Amino acid sequence: MKIPATFTGVASKVDGSLSLRFASQELPVADKVKIMELVNSFGWLVFSINDTEEIPQENAPDERKSPSQAYRDVLFVYYKQQGGDPARFNLYYRKHMAKITEELKEKLND
């Protein structure tokens, strides 16, 4: 989908990613519906300051994080918020995962 927009701001997030803000011009209802359906979807953002630049049409590869990568990232943020030393996170992560694994093993039927 291609719409005219103004890039209005950027903010860094705790996981190192960026939050980008755009403001569109007034859009037809059908375009608004299409955009609302895309909320929380993974894709590619192409921004050009002129309308003549060619926009690639290939499909975006699935480069989302695996569930385990996403869990590790969230756990890292939680660990830092609790005052943990980022240099010692790998040890914390291993202990945390070992604890979860043992808890699940205990629930298995023999």
C-alpha atoms as a PDB file:
ATOM      1  CA  MET A   1       0.000   0.000   0.000  1.00  0.00           C
ATOM      2  CA  LYS A   2       1.337   3.410  -0.946  1.00  0.00           C
ATOM      3  CA  ILE A   3       0.029   6.558   0.756  1.00  0.00           C
ATOM      4  CA  PRO A   4       1.320  10.116   1.145  1.00  0.00           C
ATOM      5  CA  ALA A   5       2.582  10.697   4.667  1.00  0.00           C
ATOM      6  CA  THR A   6       4.786  12.900   6.823  1.00  0.00           C
ATOM      7  CA  PHE A   7       7.443  11.317   9.033  1.00  0.00           C
ATOM      8  CA  THR A   8       6.656  12.982  12.364  1.00  0.00           C
ATOM      9  CA  GLY A   9       8.992  11.361  14.869  1.00  0.00           C
ATOM     10  CA  VAL A  10      11.115   8.557  16.184  1.00  0.00           C
ATOM     11  CA  ALA A  11      11.663   7.094  19.652  1.00  0.00           C
ATOM     12  CA  SER A  12      14.082   4.431  20.827  1.00  0.00           C
ATOM     13  CA  LYS A  13      12.687   1.433  22.698  1.00  0.00           C
ATOM     14  CA  VAL A  14      14.265  -0.532  25.540  1.00  0.00           C
ATOM     15  CA  ASP A  15      15.008  -3.530  23.296  1.00  0.00           C
ATOM     16  CA  GLY A  16      17.095  -1.380  20.935  1.00  0.00           C
ATOM     17  CA  SER A  17      14.453  -1.064  18.220  1.00  0.00           C
ATOM     18  CA  LEU A  18      12.847   2.173  17.079  1.00  0.00           C
ATOM     19  CA  SER A  19       9.249   3.336  17.118  1.00  0.00           C
ATOM     20  CA  LEU A  20       8.479   5.399  14.008  1.00  0.00           C
ATOM     21  CA  ARG A  21       5.548   7.800  13.703  1.00  0.00           C
ATOM     22  CA  PHE A  22       3.903   8.919  10.483  1.00  0.00           C
ATOM     23  CA  ALA A  23       0.894  11.126   9.818  1.00  0.00           C
ATOM     24  CA  SER A  24      -1.115  10.548   6.651  1.00  0.00           C
ATOM     25  CA  GLN A  25      -3.168  13.004   4.728  1.00  0.00           C
ATOM     26  CA  GLU A  26      -6.910  12.449   4.738  1.00  0.00           C
ATOM     27  CA  LEU A  27      -7.583   8.991   3.284  1.00  0.00           C
ATOM     28  CA  PRO A  28     -10.598   7.264   1.748  1.00  0.00           C
ATOM     29  CA  VAL A  29     -12.441   4.927   4.118  1.00  0.00           C
ATOM     30  CA  ALA A  30     -11.314   1.839   2.171  1.00  0.00           C
ATOM     31  CA  ASP A  31      -7.639   2.784   2.652  1.00  0.00           C
ATOM     32  CA  LYS A  32      -8.202   3.441   6.351  1.00  0.00           C
ATOM     33  CA  VAL A  33      -9.718  -0.025   6.729  1.00  0.00           C
ATOM     34  CA  LYS A  34      -6.755  -1.637   4.932  1.00  0.00           C
ATOM     35  CA  ILE A  35      -4.301   0.174   7.212  1.00  0.00           C
ATOM     36  CA  MET A  36      -6.201  -0.756  10.380  1.00  0.00           C
ATOM     37  CA  GLU A  37      -6.126  -4.414   9.295  1.00  0.00           C
ATOM     38  CA  LEU A  38      -2.326  -4.223   9.144  1.00  0.00           C
ATOM     39  CA  VAL A  39      -1.880  -3.225  12.798  1.00  0.00           C
ATOM     40  CA  ASN A  40       0.643  -5.583  14.502  1.00  0.00           C
ATOM     41  CA  SER A  41       1.598  -7.159  11.164  1.00  0.00           C
ATOM     42  CA  PHE A  42       5.218  -7.725  10.200  1.00  0.00           C
ATOM     43  CA  GLY A  43       6.305  -6.152   6.926  1.00  0.00           C
ATOM     44  CA  TRP A  44       8.691  -3.742   5.283  1.00  0.00           C
ATOM     45  CA  LEU A  45       8.529   0.033   5.434  1.00  0.00           C
ATOM     46  CA  VAL A  46       9.767   2.052   2.469  1.00  0.00           C
ATOM     47  CA  PHE A  47       9.807   5.815   2.836  1.00  0.00           C
ATOM     48  CA  SER A  48      10.742   8.193   0.032  1.00  0.00           C
ATOM     49  CA  ILE A  49      10.690  11.984   0.012  1.00  0.00           C
ATOM     50  CA  ASN A  50       9.537  11.988  -3.615  1.00  0.00           C
ATOM     51  CA  ASP A  51       6.913  10.030  -5.525  1.00  0.00           C
ATOM     52  CA  THR A  52       9.209   9.087  -8.399  1.00  0.00           C
ATOM     53  CA  GLU A  53      11.395   6.613  -6.497  1.00  0.00           C
ATOM     54  CA  GLU A  54      10.654   2.997  -7.409  1.00  0.00           C
ATOM     55  CA  ILE A  55       9.235   0.948  -4.560  1.00  0.00           C
ATOM     56  CA  PRO A  56      10.256  -2.739  -4.499  1.00  0.00           C
ATOM     57  CA  GLN A  57       7.294  -5.092  -4.898  1.00  0.00           C
ATOM     58  CA  GLU A  58       8.783  -8.339  -3.588  1.00  0.00           C
ATOM     59  CA  ASN A  59       7.173 -10.011  -0.609  1.00  0.00           C
ATOM     60  CA  ALA A  60       8.834  -9.469   2.729  1.00  0.00           C
ATOM     61  CA  PRO A  61      10.587 -12.596   4.005  1.00  0.00           C
ATOM     62  CA  ASP A  62       9.438 -13.940   7.348  1.00  0.00           C
ATOM     63  CA  GLU A  63      12.126 -12.492   9.621  1.00  0.00           C
ATOM     64  CA  ARG A  64      10.114 -12.332  12.805  1.00  0.00           C
ATOM     65  CA  LYS A  65      11.806 -13.516  15.945  1.00  0.00           C
ATOM     66  CA  SER A  66      11.194 -17.065  17.032  1.00  0.00           C
ATOM     67  CA  PRO A  67       9.102 -17.441  20.190  1.00  0.00           C
ATOM     68  CA  SER A  68      12.237 -18.313  22.165  1.00  0.00           C
ATOM     69  CA  GLN A  69      14.074 -15.225  20.870  1.00  0.00           C
ATOM     70  CA  ALA A  70      11.120 -13.004  21.744  1.00  0.00           C
ATOM     71  CA  TYR A  71      10.909 -14.573  25.229  1.00  0.00           C
ATOM     72  CA  ARG A  72      14.637 -14.036  25.798  1.00  0.00           C
ATOM     73  CA  ASP A  73      14.361 -10.373  24.756  1.00  0.00           C
ATOM     74  CA  VAL A  74      11.433  -9.741  27.113  1.00  0.00           C
ATOM     75  CA  LEU A  75      13.207 -11.586  29.929  1.00  0.00           C
ATOM     76  CA  PHE A  76      16.279  -9.400  29.366  1.00  0.00           C
ATOM     77  CA  VAL A  77      14.216  -6.216  29.710  1.00  0.00           C
ATOM     78  CA  TYR A  78      12.572  -7.598  32.878  1.00  0.00           C
ATOM     79  CA  TYR A  79      16.001  -8.574  34.271  1.00  0.00           C
ATOM     80  CA  LYS A  80      17.367  -5.057  33.693  1.00  0.00           C
ATOM     81  CA  GLN A  81      14.257  -3.466  35.235  1.00  0.00           C
ATOM     82  CA  GLN A  82      14.835  -5.569  38.350  1.00  0.00           C
ATOM     83  CA  GLY A  83      18.349  -4.106  38.619  1.00  0.00           C
ATOM     84  CA  GLY A  84      20.186  -7.027  37.050  1.00  0.00           C
ATOM     85  CA  ASP A  85      23.659  -6.550  35.604  1.00  0.00           C
ATOM     86  CA  PRO A  86      23.393  -6.943  31.793  1.00  0.00           C
ATOM     87  CA  ALA A  87      26.870  -8.508  31.728  1.00  0.00           C
ATOM     88  CA  ARG A  88      25.538 -11.380  33.874  1.00  0.00           C
ATOM     89  CA  PHE A  89      22.303 -11.934  31.940  1.00  0.00           C
ATOM     90  CA  ASN A  90      23.473 -15.129  30.203  1.00  0.00           C
ATOM     91  CA  LEU A  91      23.934 -16.830  33.567  1.00  0.00           C
ATOM     92  CA  TYR A  92      20.534 -15.582  34.748  1.00  0.00           C
ATOM     93  CA  TYR A  93      18.930 -16.786  31.504  1.00  0.00           C
ATOM     94  CA  ARG A  94      20.423 -20.290  31.820  1.00  0.00           C
ATOM     95  CA  LYS A  95      19.276 -20.605  35.436  1.00  0.00           C
ATOM     96  CA  HIS A  96      15.815 -19.290  34.580  1.00  0.00           C
ATOM     97  CA  MET A  97      15.405 -21.723  31.680  1.00  0.00           C
ATOM     98  CA  ALA A  98      16.710 -24.649  33.766  1.00  0.00           C
ATOM     99  CA  LYS A  99      14.129 -23.837  36.450  1.00  0.00           C
ATOM    100  CA  ILE A 100      11.290 -23.720  33.904  1.00  0.00           C
ATOM    101  CA  THR A 101      12.472 -26.983  32.335  1.00  0.00           C
ATOM    102  CA  GLU A 102      12.572 -28.742  35.699  1.00  0.00           C
ATOM    103  CA  GLU A 103       9.114 -27.463  36.615  1.00  0.00           C
ATOM    104  CA  LEU A 104       7.733 -28.836  33.351  1.00  0.00           C
ATOM    105  CA  LYS A 105       9.519 -32.177  33.791  1.00  0.00           C
ATOM    106  CA  GLU A 106       7.861 -32.552  37.199  1.00  0.00           C
ATOM    107  CA  LYS A 107       4.467 -32.217  35.536  1.00  0.00           C
ATOM    108  CA  LEU A 108       5.158 -35.007  33.022  1.00  0.00           C
ATOM    109  CA  ASN A 109       3.458 -38.332  33.573  1.00  0.00           C
ATOM    110  CA  ASP A 110       5.835 -41.244  33.988  1.00  0.00           C
END
